[in-house]
Amino acid sequence: MPFYWTLLKVDRAKTTESLKGLKKLPKKSPNPGIKVYYVADVFGEWDNCVWFEADNNTHAMEYVQNTLAKIPGIVHTYTLPTSPIREYYKDW
């Protein structure tokens, strides 16, 4: 299954709202074929990121568009396909 990083830009006036929305993301998403592994703050041009697994690209993009992009305060998303280093994540 493909893994993805989605970088998020937040409207500074709505930082608290966006953080509340990100904290509510369930690990087992109601979206089909999605499993969230990690949500983090990042520094620089982007504000937050979400690392998740999807069973296909269509489900990944639906998750970004229908869930992540709709969190209050999120103004821009940028999604990158990635893969974990399997030796570190054998138990997944």
PDB file of N, CA and C in Angstrom:
ATOM      1  N   MET A   1       0.833  -1.178   0.000  1.00  0.00           N
ATOM      2  CA  MET A   1       0.000   0.000   0.000  1.00  0.00           C
ATOM      3  C   MET A   1       0.880   1.243   0.000  1.00  0.00           C
ATOM      4  N   PRO A   2       0.536   2.227  -0.811  1.00  0.00           N
ATOM      5  CA  PRO A   2       1.331   3.459  -0.872  1.00  0.00           C
ATOM      6  C   PRO A   2       1.187   4.313   0.392  1.00  0.00           C
ATOM      7  N   PHE A   3       2.241   5.015   0.707  1.00  0.00           N
ATOM      8  CA  PHE A   3       2.251   5.956   1.820  1.00  0.00           C
ATOM      9  C   PHE A   3       2.363   7.368   1.249  1.00  0.00           C
ATOM     10  N   TYR A   4       1.864   8.340   2.014  1.00  0.00           N
ATOM     11  CA  TYR A   4       1.842   9.721   1.556  1.00  0.00           C
ATOM     12  C   TYR A   4       2.170  10.674   2.697  1.00  0.00           C
ATOM     13  N   TRP A   5       2.864  11.748   2.364  1.00  0.00           N
ATOM     14  CA  TRP A   5       3.010  12.912   3.239  1.00  0.00           C
ATOM     15  C   TRP A   5       2.144  13.984   2.631  1.00  0.00           C
ATOM     16  N   THR A   6       1.273  14.586   3.438  1.00  0.00           N
ATOM     17  CA  THR A   6       0.546  15.763   2.979  1.00  0.00           C
ATOM     18  C   THR A   6       0.981  16.932   3.842  1.00  0.00           C
ATOM     19  N   LEU A   7       1.564  17.924   3.191  1.00  0.00           N
ATOM     20  CA  LEU A   7       1.977  19.151   3.870  1.00  0.00           C
ATOM     21  C   LEU A   7       0.792  20.110   3.877  1.00  0.00           C
ATOM     22  N   LEU A   8       0.629  20.837   4.987  1.00  0.00           N
ATOM     23  CA  LEU A   8      -0.527  21.706   5.159  1.00  0.00           C
ATOM     24  C   LEU A   8      -0.095  23.128   5.484  1.00  0.00           C
ATOM     25  N   LYS A   9      -0.742  24.093   4.828  1.00  0.00           N
ATOM     26  CA  LYS A   9      -0.583  25.503   5.191  1.00  0.00           C
ATOM     27  C   LYS A   9      -1.832  25.918   5.936  1.00  0.00           C
ATOM     28  N   VAL A  10      -1.620  26.722   6.989  1.00  0.00           N
ATOM     29  CA  VAL A  10      -2.712  27.119   7.852  1.00  0.00           C
ATOM     30  C   VAL A  10      -2.861  28.638   7.832  1.00  0.00           C
ATOM     31  N   ASP A  11      -4.103  29.098   7.805  1.00  0.00           N
ATOM     32  CA  ASP A  11      -4.392  30.515   7.977  1.00  0.00           C
ATOM     33  C   ASP A  11      -4.012  30.878   9.413  1.00  0.00           C
ATOM     34  N   ARG A  12      -3.078  31.788   9.572  1.00  0.00           N
ATOM     35  CA  ARG A  12      -2.566  32.120  10.910  1.00  0.00           C
ATOM     36  C   ARG A  12      -3.665  32.550  11.874  1.00  0.00           C
ATOM     37  N   ALA A  13      -4.713  33.142  11.368  1.00  0.00           N
ATOM     38  CA  ALA A  13      -5.826  33.569  12.218  1.00  0.00           C
ATOM     39  C   ALA A  13      -6.670  32.384  12.699  1.00  0.00           C
ATOM     40  N   LYS A  14      -6.447  31.204  12.095  1.00  0.00           N
ATOM     41  CA  LYS A  14      -7.244  30.026  12.444  1.00  0.00           C
ATOM     42  C   LYS A  14      -6.371  28.858  12.906  1.00  0.00           C
ATOM     43  N   THR A  15      -5.199  29.151  13.435  1.00  0.00           N
ATOM     44  CA  THR A  15      -4.272  28.106  13.869  1.00  0.00           C
ATOM     45  C   THR A  15      -4.906  27.188  14.909  1.00  0.00           C
ATOM     46  N   THR A  16      -5.572  27.756  15.901  1.00  0.00           N
ATOM     47  CA  THR A  16      -6.185  26.948  16.957  1.00  0.00           C
ATOM     48  C   THR A  16      -7.237  26.010  16.386  1.00  0.00           C
ATOM     49  N   GLU A  17      -8.065  26.504  15.477  1.00  0.00           N
ATOM     50  CA  GLU A  17      -9.088  25.668  14.860  1.00  0.00           C
ATOM     51  C   GLU A  17      -8.473  24.515  14.070  1.00  0.00           C
ATOM     52  N   SER A  18      -7.425  24.803  13.320  1.00  0.00           N
ATOM     53  CA  SER A  18      -6.806  23.751  12.511  1.00  0.00           C
ATOM     54  C   SER A  18      -6.157  22.698  13.399  1.00  0.00           C
ATOM     55  N   LEU A  19      -5.510  23.111  14.483  1.00  0.00           N
ATOM     56  CA  LEU A  19      -4.892  22.141  15.393  1.00  0.00           C
ATOM     57  C   LEU A  19      -5.939  21.250  16.045  1.00  0.00           C
ATOM     58  N   LYS A  20      -7.074  21.816  16.410  1.00  0.00           N
ATOM     59  CA  LYS A  20      -8.162  21.010  16.976  1.00  0.00           C
ATOM     60  C   LYS A  20      -8.642  19.988  15.959  1.00  0.00           C
ATOM     61  N   GLY A  21      -8.780  20.407  14.706  1.00  0.00           N
ATOM     62  CA  GLY A  21      -9.202  19.487  13.648  1.00  0.00           C
ATOM     63  C   GLY A  21      -8.197  18.377  13.410  1.00  0.00           C
ATOM     64  N   LEU A  22      -6.916  18.708  13.415  1.00  0.00           N
ATOM     65  CA  LEU A  22      -5.872  17.701  13.207  1.00  0.00           C
ATOM     66  C   LEU A  22      -5.821  16.713  14.371  1.00  0.00           C
ATOM     67  N   LYS A  23      -6.032  17.196  15.596  1.00  0.00           N
ATOM     68  CA  LYS A  23      -6.013  16.310  16.769  1.00  0.00           C
ATOM     69  C   LYS A  23      -7.165  15.318  16.744  1.00  0.00           C
ATOM     70  N   LYS A  24      -8.231  15.654  16.049  1.00  0.00           N
ATOM     71  CA  LYS A  24      -9.408  14.784  15.980  1.00  0.00           C
ATOM     72  C   LYS A  24      -9.304  13.725  14.878  1.00  0.00           C
ATOM     73  N   LEU A  25      -8.257  13.780  14.072  1.00  0.00           N
ATOM     74  CA  LEU A  25      -8.129  12.787  12.997  1.00  0.00           C
ATOM     75  C   LEU A  25      -7.966  11.399  13.602  1.00  0.00           C
ATOM     76  N   PRO A  26      -8.856  10.488  13.272  1.00  0.00           N
ATOM     77  CA  PRO A  26      -8.705   9.122  13.803  1.00  0.00           C
ATOM     78  C   PRO A  26      -7.630   8.362  13.054  1.00  0.00           C
ATOM     79  N   LYS A  27      -6.950   7.450  13.771  1.00  0.00           N
ATOM     80  CA  LYS A  27      -5.943   6.612  13.108  1.00  0.00           C
ATOM     81  C   LYS A  27      -6.600   5.716  12.066  1.00  0.00           C
ATOM     82  N   LYS A  28      -7.752   5.186  12.394  1.00  0.00           N
ATOM     83  CA  LYS A  28      -8.511   4.371  11.445  1.00  0.00           C
ATOM     84  C   LYS A  28      -9.565   5.282  10.839  1.00  0.00           C
ATOM     85  N   SER A  29      -9.250   5.844   9.694  1.00  0.00           N
ATOM     86  CA  SER A  29     -10.095   6.836   9.050  1.00  0.00           C
ATOM     87  C   SER A  29     -11.415   6.223   8.587  1.00  0.00           C
ATOM     88  N   PRO A  30     -12.493   6.998   8.635  1.00  0.00           N
ATOM     89  CA  PRO A  30     -13.745   6.527   8.044  1.00  0.00           C
ATOM     90  C   PRO A  30     -13.673   6.466   6.515  1.00  0.00           C
ATOM     91  N   ASN A  31     -12.656   7.121   5.948  1.00  0.00           N
ATOM     92  CA  ASN A  31     -12.453   7.030   4.501  1.00  0.00           C
ATOM     93  C   ASN A  31     -11.964   5.624   4.171  1.00  0.00           C
ATOM     94  N   PRO A  32     -12.422   5.062   3.065  1.00  0.00           N
ATOM     95  CA  PRO A  32     -12.002   3.698   2.725  1.00  0.00           C
ATOM     96  C   PRO A  32     -10.503   3.612   2.441  1.00  0.00           C
ATOM     97  N   GLY A  33      -9.878   2.581   2.984  1.00  0.00           N
ATOM     98  CA  GLY A  33      -8.485   2.294   2.668  1.00  0.00           C
ATOM     99  C   GLY A  33      -7.463   3.268   3.203  1.00  0.00           C
ATOM    100  N   ILE A  34      -7.772   4.045   4.241  1.00  0.00           N
ATOM    101  CA  ILE A  34      -6.855   5.051   4.785  1.00  0.00           C
ATOM    102  C   ILE A  34      -6.487   4.700   6.218  1.00  0.00           C
ATOM    103  N   LYS A  35      -5.202   4.798   6.531  1.00  0.00           N
ATOM    104  CA  LYS A  35      -4.728   4.637   7.901  1.00  0.00           C
ATOM    105  C   LYS A  35      -3.734   5.763   8.177  1.00  0.00           C
ATOM    106  N   VAL A  36      -4.027   6.590   9.184  1.00  0.00           N
ATOM    107  CA  VAL A  36      -3.169   7.718   9.539  1.00  0.00           C
ATOM    108  C   VAL A  36      -2.107   7.220  10.524  1.00  0.00           C
ATOM    109  N   TYR A  37      -0.833   7.542  10.241  1.00  0.00           N
ATOM    110  CA  TYR A  37       0.257   7.134  11.120  1.00  0.00           C
ATOM    111  C   TYR A  37       0.795   8.272  11.973  1.00  0.00           C
ATOM    112  N   TYR A  38       0.804   9.480  11.421  1.00  0.00           N
ATOM    113  CA  TYR A  38       1.505  10.539  12.133  1.00  0.00           C
ATOM    114  C   TYR A  38       1.005  11.903  11.690  1.00  0.00           C
ATOM    115  N   VAL A  39       0.796  12.781  12.657  1.00  0.00           N
ATOM    116  CA  VAL A  39       0.489  14.186  12.403  1.00  0.00           C
ATOM    117  C   VAL A  39       1.543  14.999  13.139  1.00  0.00           C
ATOM    118  N   ALA A  40       2.147  15.981  12.463  1.00  0.00           N
ATOM    119  CA  ALA A  40       3.241  16.731  13.089  1.00  0.00           C
ATOM    120  C   ALA A  40       3.209  18.196  12.683  1.00  0.00           C
ATOM    121  N   ASP A  41       3.800  19.014  13.550  1.00  0.00           N
ATOM    122  CA  ASP A  41       4.089  20.400  13.194  1.00  0.00           C
ATOM    123  C   ASP A  41       5.389  20.385  12.406  1.00  0.00           C
ATOM    124  N   VAL A  42       5.495  21.263  11.423  1.00  0.00           N
ATOM    125  CA  VAL A  42       6.746  21.411  10.691  1.00  0.00           C
ATOM    126  C   VAL A  42       7.105  22.891  10.668  1.00  0.00           C
ATOM    127  N   PHE A  43       8.329  23.187  10.368  1.00  0.00           N
ATOM    128  CA  PHE A  43       8.802  24.562  10.366  1.00  0.00           C
ATOM    129  C   PHE A  43       9.228  24.939   8.961  1.00  0.00           C
ATOM    130  N   GLY A  44       9.101  26.205   8.648  1.00  0.00           N
ATOM    131  CA  GLY A  44       9.470  26.676   7.327  1.00  0.00           C
ATOM    132  C   GLY A  44       8.230  27.135   6.592  1.00  0.00           C
ATOM    133  N   GLU A  45       8.156  26.827   5.320  1.00  0.00           N
ATOM    134  CA  GLU A  45       7.063  27.292   4.479  1.00  0.00           C
ATOM    135  C   GLU A  45       5.732  26.622   4.832  1.00  0.00           C
ATOM    136  N   TRP A  46       5.782  25.402   5.365  1.00  0.00           N
ATOM    137  CA  TRP A  46       4.578  24.645   5.707  1.00  0.00           C
ATOM    138  C   TRP A  46       4.388  24.657   7.218  1.00  0.00           C
ATOM    139  N   ASP A  47       3.166  24.344   7.651  1.00  0.00           N
ATOM    140  CA  ASP A  47       2.845  24.414   9.080  1.00  0.00           C
ATOM    141  C   ASP A  47       2.677  23.054   9.741  1.00  0.00           C
ATOM    142  N   ASN A  48       2.031  22.119   9.045  1.00  0.00           N
ATOM    143  CA  ASN A  48       1.784  20.795   9.592  1.00  0.00           C
ATOM    144  C   ASN A  48       1.931  19.769   8.482  1.00  0.00           C
ATOM    145  N   CYS A  49       2.003  18.505   8.883  1.00  0.00           N
ATOM    146  CA  CYS A  49       2.009  17.427   7.899  1.00  0.00           C
ATOM    147  C   CYS A  49       1.282  16.215   8.469  1.00  0.00           C
ATOM    148  N   VAL A  50       0.772  15.408   7.579  1.00  0.00           N
ATOM    149  CA  VAL A  50       0.084  14.171   7.938  1.00  0.00           C
ATOM    150  C   VAL A  50       0.713  13.061   7.109  1.00  0.00           C
ATOM    151  N   TRP A  51       1.121  11.974   7.793  1.00  0.00           N
ATOM    152  CA  TRP A  51       1.663  10.809   7.098  1.00  0.00           C
ATOM    153  C   TRP A  51       0.615   9.720   7.178  1.00  0.00           C
ATOM    154  N   PHE A  52       0.187   9.227   6.027  1.00  0.00           N
ATOM    155  CA  PHE A  52      -0.862   8.214   6.007  1.00  0.00           C
ATOM    156  C   PHE A  52      -0.615   7.189   4.907  1.00  0.00           C
ATOM    157  N   GLU A  53      -1.344   6.096   5.032  1.00  0.00           N
ATOM    158  CA  GLU A  53      -1.276   5.012   4.062  1.00  0.00           C
ATOM    159  C   GLU A  53      -2.638   4.926   3.378  1.00  0.00           C
ATOM    160  N   ALA A  54      -2.633   4.647   2.090  1.00  0.00           N
ATOM    161  CA  ALA A  54      -3.874   4.493   1.338  1.00  0.00           C
ATOM    162  C   ALA A  54      -3.772   3.258   0.460  1.00  0.00           C
ATOM    163  N   ASP A  55      -4.890   2.602   0.244  1.00  0.00           N
ATOM    164  CA  ASP A  55      -4.838   1.400  -0.590  1.00  0.00           C
ATOM    165  C   ASP A  55      -4.701   1.712  -2.072  1.00  0.00           C
ATOM    166  N   ASN A  56      -4.965   2.977  -2.465  1.00  0.00           N
ATOM    167  CA  ASN A  56      -4.715   3.383  -3.852  1.00  0.00           C
ATOM    168  C   ASN A  56      -4.683   4.907  -3.927  1.00  0.00           C
ATOM    169  N   ASN A  57      -4.227   5.425  -5.055  1.00  0.00           N
ATOM    170  CA  ASN A  57      -4.089   6.874  -5.228  1.00  0.00           C
ATOM    171  C   ASN A  57      -5.422   7.605  -5.177  1.00  0.00           C
ATOM    172  N   THR A  58      -6.465   6.996  -5.695  1.00  0.00           N
ATOM    173  CA  THR A  58      -7.778   7.631  -5.680  1.00  0.00           C
ATOM    174  C   THR A  58      -8.240   7.872  -4.253  1.00  0.00           C
ATOM    175  N   HIS A  59      -8.112   6.855  -3.398  1.00  0.00           N
ATOM    176  CA  HIS A  59      -8.518   7.015  -1.999  1.00  0.00           C
ATOM    177  C   HIS A  59      -7.640   8.041  -1.283  1.00  0.00           C
ATOM    178  N   ALA A  60      -6.376   8.090  -1.622  1.00  0.00           N
ATOM    179  CA  ALA A  60      -5.480   9.079  -1.008  1.00  0.00           C
ATOM    180  C   ALA A  60      -5.924  10.493  -1.357  1.00  0.00           C
ATOM    181  N   MET A  61      -6.200  10.749  -2.623  1.00  0.00           N
ATOM    182  CA  MET A  61      -6.599  12.094  -3.033  1.00  0.00           C
ATOM    183  C   MET A  61      -7.977  12.461  -2.492  1.00  0.00           C
ATOM    184  N   GLU A  62      -8.886  11.486  -2.412  1.00  0.00           N
ATOM    185  CA  GLU A  62     -10.197  11.748  -1.808  1.00  0.00           C
ATOM    186  C   GLU A  62     -10.034  12.112  -0.335  1.00  0.00           C
ATOM    187  N   TYR A  63      -9.143  11.434   0.363  1.00  0.00           N
ATOM    188  CA  TYR A  63      -8.896  11.733   1.773  1.00  0.00           C
ATOM    189  C   TYR A  63      -8.355  13.154   1.936  1.00  0.00           C
ATOM    190  N   VAL A  64      -7.408  13.519   1.101  1.00  0.00           N
ATOM    191  CA  VAL A  64      -6.839  14.869   1.185  1.00  0.00           C
ATOM    192  C   VAL A  64      -7.914  15.910   0.885  1.00  0.00           C
ATOM    193  N   GLN A  65      -8.665  15.717  -0.189  1.00  0.00           N
ATOM    194  CA  GLN A  65      -9.658  16.711  -0.605  1.00  0.00           C
ATOM    195  C   GLN A  65     -10.881  16.755   0.305  1.00  0.00           C
ATOM    196  N   ASN A  66     -11.345  15.598   0.747  1.00  0.00           N
ATOM    197  CA  ASN A  66     -12.601  15.540   1.498  1.00  0.00           C
ATOM    198  C   ASN A  66     -12.423  15.595   3.013  1.00  0.00           C
ATOM    199  N   THR A  67     -11.214  15.376   3.502  1.00  0.00           N
ATOM    200  CA  THR A  67     -10.997  15.384   4.950  1.00  0.00           C
ATOM    201  C   THR A  67      -9.981  16.453   5.346  1.00  0.00           C
ATOM    202  N   LEU A  68      -8.747  16.313   4.880  1.00  0.00           N
ATOM    203  CA  LEU A  68      -7.697  17.230   5.321  1.00  0.00           C
ATOM    204  C   LEU A  68      -7.950  18.665   4.868  1.00  0.00           C
ATOM    205  N   ALA A  69      -8.284  18.857   3.619  1.00  0.00           N
ATOM    206  CA  ALA A  69      -8.480  20.211   3.090  1.00  0.00           C
ATOM    207  C   ALA A  69      -9.705  20.902   3.681  1.00  0.00           C
ATOM    208  N   LYS A  70     -10.610  20.136   4.266  1.00  0.00           N
ATOM    209  CA  LYS A  70     -11.828  20.711   4.838  1.00  0.00           C
ATOM    210  C   LYS A  70     -11.694  21.026   6.324  1.00  0.00           C
ATOM    211  N   ILE A  71     -10.551  20.758   6.918  1.00  0.00           N
ATOM    212  CA  ILE A  71     -10.326  21.137   8.312  1.00  0.00           C
ATOM    213  C   ILE A  71     -10.290  22.661   8.367  1.00  0.00           C
ATOM    214  N   PRO A  72     -11.049  23.269   9.275  1.00  0.00           N
ATOM    215  CA  PRO A  72     -11.049  24.730   9.356  1.00  0.00           C
ATOM    216  C   PRO A  72      -9.631  25.279   9.528  1.00  0.00           C
ATOM    217  N   GLY A  73      -9.312  26.276   8.737  1.00  0.00           N
ATOM    218  CA  GLY A  73      -8.004  26.912   8.821  1.00  0.00           C
ATOM    219  C   GLY A  73      -6.985  26.398   7.823  1.00  0.00           C
ATOM    220  N   ILE A  74      -7.208  25.230   7.232  1.00  0.00           N
ATOM    221  CA  ILE A  74      -6.282  24.700   6.224  1.00  0.00           C
ATOM    222  C   ILE A  74      -6.534  25.448   4.920  1.00  0.00           C
ATOM    223  N   VAL A  75      -5.503  26.099   4.403  1.00  0.00           N
ATOM    224  CA  VAL A  75      -5.676  26.890   3.184  1.00  0.00           C
ATOM    225  C   VAL A  75      -4.992  26.277   1.960  1.00  0.00           C
ATOM    226  N   HIS A  76      -4.068  25.330   2.182  1.00  0.00           N
ATOM    227  CA  HIS A  76      -3.371  24.719   1.046  1.00  0.00           C
ATOM    228  C   HIS A  76      -2.817  23.365   1.472  1.00  0.00           C
ATOM    229  N   THR A  77      -2.866  22.402   0.559  1.00  0.00           N
ATOM    230  CA  THR A  77      -2.281  21.080   0.803  1.00  0.00           C
ATOM    231  C   THR A  77      -1.317  20.740  -0.323  1.00  0.00           C
ATOM    232  N   TYR A  78      -0.327  19.925   0.008  1.00  0.00           N
ATOM    233  CA  TYR A  78       0.631  19.443  -0.994  1.00  0.00           C
ATOM    234  C   TYR A  78       0.966  18.004  -0.620  1.00  0.00           C
ATOM    235  N   THR A  79       0.621  17.067  -1.471  1.00  0.00           N
ATOM    236  CA  THR A  79       0.752  15.652  -1.152  1.00  0.00           C
ATOM    237  C   THR A  79       1.875  15.014  -1.950  1.00  0.00           C
ATOM    238  N   LEU A  80       2.692  14.238  -1.242  1.00  0.00           N
ATOM    239  CA  LEU A  80       3.826  13.536  -1.838  1.00  0.00           C
ATOM    240  C   LEU A  80       3.719  12.044  -1.565  1.00  0.00           C
ATOM    241  N   PRO A  81       3.767  11.208  -2.587  1.00  0.00           N
ATOM    242  CA  PRO A  81       3.841   9.775  -2.326  1.00  0.00           C
ATOM    243  C   PRO A  81       5.208   9.441  -1.743  1.00  0.00           C
ATOM    244  N   THR A  82       5.234   8.493  -0.843  1.00  0.00           N
ATOM    245  CA  THR A  82       6.485   8.097  -0.205  1.00  0.00           C
ATOM    246  C   THR A  82       6.407   6.629   0.168  1.00  0.00           C
ATOM    247  N   SER A  83       7.453   6.110   0.729  1.00  0.00           N
ATOM    248  CA  SER A  83       7.419   4.741   1.253  1.00  0.00           C
ATOM    249  C   SER A  83       8.285   4.706   2.502  1.00  0.00           C
ATOM    250  N   PRO A  84       7.865   3.919   3.480  1.00  0.00           N
ATOM    251  CA  PRO A  84       8.662   3.840   4.706  1.00  0.00           C
ATOM    252  C   PRO A  84       9.890   2.971   4.489  1.00  0.00           C
ATOM    253  N   ILE A  85      10.847   3.139   5.340  1.00  0.00           N
ATOM    254  CA  ILE A  85      11.996   2.239   5.341  1.00  0.00           C
ATOM    255  C   ILE A  85      11.537   1.002   6.093  1.00  0.00           C
ATOM    256  N   ARG A  86      11.287  -0.052   5.370  1.00  0.00           N
ATOM    257  CA  ARG A  86      10.643  -1.240   5.927  1.00  0.00           C
ATOM    258  C   ARG A  86      11.356  -1.828   7.144  1.00  0.00           C
ATOM    259  N   GLU A  87      12.661  -1.753   7.211  1.00  0.00           N
ATOM    260  CA  GLU A  87      13.354  -2.344   8.347  1.00  0.00           C
ATOM    261  C   GLU A  87      12.974  -1.668   9.660  1.00  0.00           C
ATOM    262  N   TYR A  88      12.543  -0.414   9.595  1.00  0.00           N
ATOM    263  CA  TYR A  88      12.130   0.305  10.800  1.00  0.00           C
ATOM    264  C   TYR A  88      10.668   0.065  11.137  1.00  0.00           C
ATOM    265  N   TYR A  89       9.893  -0.409  10.173  1.00  0.00           N
ATOM    266  CA  TYR A  89       8.462  -0.546  10.369  1.00  0.00           C
ATOM    267  C   TYR A  89       7.993  -1.978  10.107  1.00  0.00           C
ATOM    268  N   LYS A  90       8.755  -2.947  10.571  1.00  0.00           N
ATOM    269  CA  LYS A  90       8.438  -4.355  10.314  1.00  0.00           C
ATOM    270  C   LYS A  90       7.095  -4.781  10.895  1.00  0.00           C
ATOM    271  N   ASP A  91       6.697  -4.176  11.995  1.00  0.00           N
ATOM    272  CA  ASP A  91       5.488  -4.588  12.691  1.00  0.00           C
ATOM    273  C   ASP A  91       4.212  -4.056  12.059  1.00  0.00           C
ATOM    274  N   TRP A  92       4.309  -3.262  11.028  1.00  0.00           N
ATOM    275  CA  TRP A  92       3.119  -2.715  10.409  1.00  0.00           C
ATOM    276  C   TRP A  92       2.511  -3.770   9.538  1.00  0.00           C
TER     277      TRP A  92
END
